Amino acid sequence: HVMYHESLLRVVDDNGNISSAGPFIPVAESFGFIDVIDDLVLDMVMEELRNSNDIMLAFNISNLTVGNEDWLNKAKKAMKDPDIASRVVVEMTETAMHGDMKRVSNFVATLQGLGCQVAIDDFGAGYTSFRQLKALPVDIVKIDGYFIKDIVEDLDNRLFVKTLLDFTRGLGLKAVAEFVETGEIAKLLMELKVDYMQGNYFCPAVNYRSWLKEERYG
């Protein structure tokens, strides 16, 4: 069962090679261009949701956008249709939780008030405490791939993931394990009762819309 598809930024060079836009994001943030990127991503995701009414999409925003009133007002207008909003997951990295928690909580509550879900991405990478996680009313926790890729051999990582899953279940949150690369990892995570998994074992990042068969095979 597919919960949702994650929308990823990619750069295509003159030869058609595709690479992640990730390395460019810190540069865009430092030069003040990240607002342009996050606005563009919002526009592209909304258009995709309007064109395909049976899919759910997630997308990432910069930590600098968390609490940005201009972006939030644009999101309110874009998601005024409850059908659109209900098919949106906004992902922000856990380092956003290291800022003004009241501001972050208001940001999350506003998005949830529109009808969409909010996820904490890469949880565990920034050493956020479980207390901070409890204080922020998100819907989904995505476990950083660092703890997943070696979970079969690394007992410490396995203990961390098990503890986190027990914690998220207690809070009524859904957990997504990132970087699931092998069937062995997937089997172990199923035994730990993770809610969802994401990674190359199921499907690598692709440059086509997998829900449109004619685009994939035509």
Protein backbone atom coordinates (compact mmCIF):
# COMPACT_ATOMS: atom_id res chain seq x y z
CA HIS A 1 0.00 0.00 0.00
CA VAL A 2 1.39 3.41 -0.99
CA MET A 3 0.75 6.09 1.62
CA TYR A 4 2.06 8.95 -0.48
CA HIS A 5 4.70 9.94 -3.01
CA GLU A 6 7.47 12.33 -2.02
CA SER A 7 8.15 15.18 -4.44
CA LEU A 8 11.89 15.65 -4.90
CA LEU A 9 13.79 18.53 -6.50
CA ARG A 10 16.13 17.42 -9.26
CA VAL A 11 18.48 19.25 -11.62
CA VAL A 12 18.78 18.13 -15.24
CA ASP A 13 21.98 19.05 -17.09
CA ASP A 14 22.45 19.60 -20.84
CA ASN A 15 23.12 15.88 -21.33
CA GLY A 16 19.94 14.83 -19.58
CA ASN A 17 21.69 13.62 -16.43
CA ILE A 18 19.62 14.00 -13.28
CA SER A 19 21.07 14.93 -9.90
CA SER A 20 19.69 16.02 -6.54
CA ALA A 21 19.17 19.72 -5.89
CA GLY A 22 20.13 19.13 -2.25
CA PRO A 23 23.66 20.60 -2.48
CA PHE A 24 22.21 23.85 -3.82
CA ILE A 25 19.75 24.39 -0.98
CA PRO A 26 22.26 25.71 1.61
CA VAL A 27 23.57 28.11 -1.03
CA ALA A 28 20.05 29.31 -1.81
CA GLU A 29 19.40 29.79 1.90
CA SER A 30 22.60 31.78 2.47
CA PHE A 31 21.91 34.07 -0.52
CA GLY A 32 18.24 34.59 0.32
CA PHE A 33 16.81 32.67 -2.64
CA ILE A 34 15.13 29.88 -0.71
CA ASP A 35 11.77 31.70 -0.71
CA VAL A 36 11.72 31.51 -4.50
CA ILE A 37 12.42 27.76 -4.42
CA ASP A 38 9.83 26.96 -1.75
CA ASP A 39 7.21 29.04 -3.57
CA LEU A 40 7.97 27.19 -6.80
CA VAL A 41 7.76 23.79 -5.10
CA LEU A 42 4.39 24.69 -3.59
CA ASP A 43 3.07 25.78 -6.99
CA MET A 44 4.30 22.60 -8.69
CA VAL A 45 2.84 20.28 -6.05
CA MET A 46 -0.52 22.04 -6.09
CA GLU A 47 -0.69 21.77 -9.87
CA GLU A 48 0.09 18.06 -9.70
CA LEU A 49 -2.63 17.48 -7.11
CA ARG A 50 -5.18 19.37 -9.20
CA ASN A 51 -4.30 17.28 -12.26
CA SER A 52 -4.35 13.93 -10.43
CA ASN A 53 -7.15 13.68 -7.90
CA ASP A 54 -6.29 10.24 -6.54
CA ILE A 55 -2.75 10.84 -5.25
CA MET A 56 -1.20 12.19 -2.06
CA LEU A 57 2.07 14.13 -2.26
CA ALA A 58 4.67 15.19 0.27
CA PHE A 59 7.20 17.96 -0.20
CA ASN A 60 9.99 19.51 1.84
CA ILE A 61 10.32 23.10 2.95
CA SER A 62 13.40 24.90 4.22
CA ASN A 63 13.70 25.53 7.93
CA LEU A 64 13.88 29.22 7.03
CA THR A 65 10.37 28.93 5.60
CA VAL A 66 8.95 27.58 8.86
CA GLY A 67 7.15 30.56 10.32
CA ASN A 68 7.35 32.58 7.09
CA GLU A 69 3.99 34.38 7.04
CA ASP A 70 4.16 35.13 3.30
CA TRP A 71 4.65 31.45 2.43
CA LEU A 72 1.97 30.44 4.92
CA ASN A 73 -0.54 32.87 3.41
CA LYS A 74 0.24 31.48 -0.03
CA ALA A 75 -0.28 27.95 1.30
CA LYS A 76 -3.65 28.97 2.76
CA LYS A 77 -4.84 30.19 -0.64
CA ALA A 78 -3.42 27.17 -2.46
CA MET A 79 -5.05 24.71 -0.08
CA LYS A 80 -8.41 26.36 0.44
CA ASP A 81 -9.94 23.34 -1.30
CA PRO A 82 -10.22 20.64 1.42
CA ASP A 83 -9.75 17.88 -1.16
CA ILE A 84 -6.36 19.32 -2.11
CA ALA A 85 -5.26 19.98 1.46
CA SER A 86 -6.17 16.47 2.61
CA ARG A 87 -3.71 15.04 0.08
CA VAL A 88 -0.71 17.08 1.24
CA VAL A 89 2.14 16.21 3.62
CA VAL A 90 4.52 19.06 4.44
CA GLU A 91 7.93 17.81 5.58
CA MET A 92 10.36 19.85 7.65
CA THR A 93 13.64 18.64 9.11
CA GLU A 94 13.95 18.22 12.84
CA THR A 95 16.45 21.08 13.09
CA ALA A 96 13.43 23.39 12.74
CA MET A 97 12.52 22.25 16.24
CA HIS A 98 15.66 23.86 17.61
CA GLY A 99 14.27 27.33 16.98
CA ASP A 100 11.31 29.14 18.54
CA MET A 101 9.05 26.23 19.47
CA LYS A 102 6.00 28.47 19.86
CA ARG A 103 6.50 29.79 16.34
CA VAL A 104 7.05 26.29 14.94
CA SER A 105 4.00 24.94 16.79
CA ASN A 106 1.81 27.72 15.40
CA PHE A 107 3.14 27.00 11.91
CA VAL A 108 2.32 23.29 12.25
CA ALA A 109 -1.12 23.98 13.72
CA THR A 110 -1.96 26.36 10.86
CA LEU A 111 -1.07 23.77 8.24
CA GLN A 112 -3.03 21.09 10.05
CA GLY A 113 -5.95 23.50 10.29
CA LEU A 114 -5.99 23.61 6.51
CA GLY A 115 -6.39 19.83 6.49
CA CYS A 116 -2.90 18.68 5.53
CA GLN A 117 -0.43 16.61 7.53
CA VAL A 118 2.99 17.63 8.82
CA ALA A 119 6.03 15.35 9.05
CA ILE A 120 9.34 15.68 10.84
CA ASP A 121 12.01 14.56 8.37
CA ASP A 122 15.38 12.95 9.21
CA PHE A 123 14.49 12.46 12.87
CA GLY A 124 17.53 11.47 14.89
CA ALA A 125 20.05 13.35 12.75
CA GLY A 126 19.85 16.56 14.77
CA TYR A 127 19.72 15.07 18.27
CA THR A 128 16.23 16.34 19.01
CA SER A 129 14.94 15.00 22.31
CA PHE A 130 11.78 12.95 22.65
CA ARG A 131 10.52 15.74 24.90
CA GLN A 132 10.70 18.20 21.99
CA LEU A 133 8.93 15.72 19.74
CA LYS A 134 6.16 15.34 22.28
CA ALA A 135 5.75 19.13 22.45
CA LEU A 136 5.27 19.50 18.68
CA PRO A 137 1.91 18.21 17.37
CA VAL A 138 3.11 16.68 14.08
CA ASP A 139 1.45 13.73 12.33
CA ILE A 140 4.39 11.75 10.95
CA VAL A 141 7.96 11.07 12.06
CA LYS A 142 10.48 10.01 9.42
CA ILE A 143 13.39 8.11 10.93
CA ASP A 144 16.74 9.25 9.54
CA GLY A 145 18.40 6.76 7.20
CA TYR A 146 21.56 6.75 9.34
CA PHE A 147 19.73 4.55 11.85
CA ILE A 148 18.13 2.35 9.20
CA LYS A 149 20.88 1.46 6.73
CA ASP A 150 22.85 -0.63 9.28
CA ILE A 151 19.96 -1.67 11.52
CA VAL A 152 20.43 -5.38 10.83
CA GLU A 153 24.03 -5.39 12.14
CA ASP A 154 24.01 -2.39 14.51
CA LEU A 155 22.23 -3.26 17.76
CA ASP A 156 22.43 0.34 19.02
CA ASN A 157 20.59 1.63 15.96
CA ARG A 158 18.04 -1.14 16.33
CA LEU A 159 17.43 -0.17 19.94
CA PHE A 160 17.03 3.49 18.99
CA VAL A 161 14.50 2.65 16.27
CA LYS A 162 12.56 0.31 18.56
CA THR A 163 12.43 2.94 21.30
CA LEU A 164 11.34 5.62 18.85
CA LEU A 165 8.60 3.40 17.42
CA ASP A 166 7.29 2.64 20.92
CA PHE A 167 7.29 6.38 21.62
CA THR A 168 5.52 7.39 18.40
CA ARG A 169 2.87 4.72 18.88
CA GLY A 170 2.26 6.06 22.37
CA LEU A 171 1.72 9.54 20.93
CA GLY A 172 -0.52 8.29 18.13
CA LEU A 173 1.96 9.26 15.39
CA LYS A 174 2.86 7.38 12.22
CA ALA A 175 6.52 6.48 11.64
CA VAL A 176 8.29 6.17 8.29
CA ALA A 177 11.67 4.44 8.02
CA GLU A 178 13.87 6.05 5.37
CA PHE A 179 16.73 4.46 3.40
CA VAL A 180 15.30 0.95 3.24
CA GLU A 181 17.69 -0.61 0.74
CA THR A 182 17.30 -4.37 1.20
CA GLY A 183 14.67 -6.97 1.90
CA GLU A 184 16.50 -7.93 5.08
CA ILE A 185 16.12 -4.40 6.42
CA ALA A 186 12.46 -4.33 5.39
CA LYS A 187 11.77 -7.64 7.15
CA LEU A 188 13.36 -6.45 10.39
CA LEU A 189 11.39 -3.20 10.29
CA MET A 190 8.19 -5.16 9.75
CA GLU A 191 9.03 -7.18 12.86
CA LEU A 192 9.47 -3.90 14.74
CA LYS A 193 6.03 -2.87 13.42
CA VAL A 194 7.08 0.29 11.62
CA ASP A 195 4.12 1.95 9.91
CA TYR A 196 5.72 2.74 6.55
CA MET A 197 9.00 2.30 4.71
CA GLN A 198 10.73 4.31 1.98
CA GLY A 199 13.81 3.50 -0.03
CA ASN A 200 15.38 1.95 -3.11
CA TYR A 201 14.24 -1.54 -2.11
CA PHE A 202 10.73 -0.47 -3.10
CA CYS A 203 11.45 2.19 -5.68
CA PRO A 204 14.36 4.57 -6.33
CA ALA A 205 13.74 8.21 -7.13
CA VAL A 206 12.32 8.37 -10.65
CA ASN A 207 11.77 11.14 -13.18
CA TYR A 208 8.28 10.02 -14.20
CA ARG A 209 4.92 10.00 -12.47
CA SER A 210 4.47 6.40 -11.43
CA TRP A 211 0.71 6.87 -11.02
CA LEU A 212 0.37 7.73 -14.73
CA LYS A 213 0.90 4.43 -16.54
CA GLU A 214 0.78 5.99 -19.99
CA GLU A 215 3.69 8.28 -19.03
CA ARG A 216 5.75 5.45 -17.62
CA TYR A 217 5.20 2.92 -20.40
CA GLY A 218 3.96 4.98 -23.34
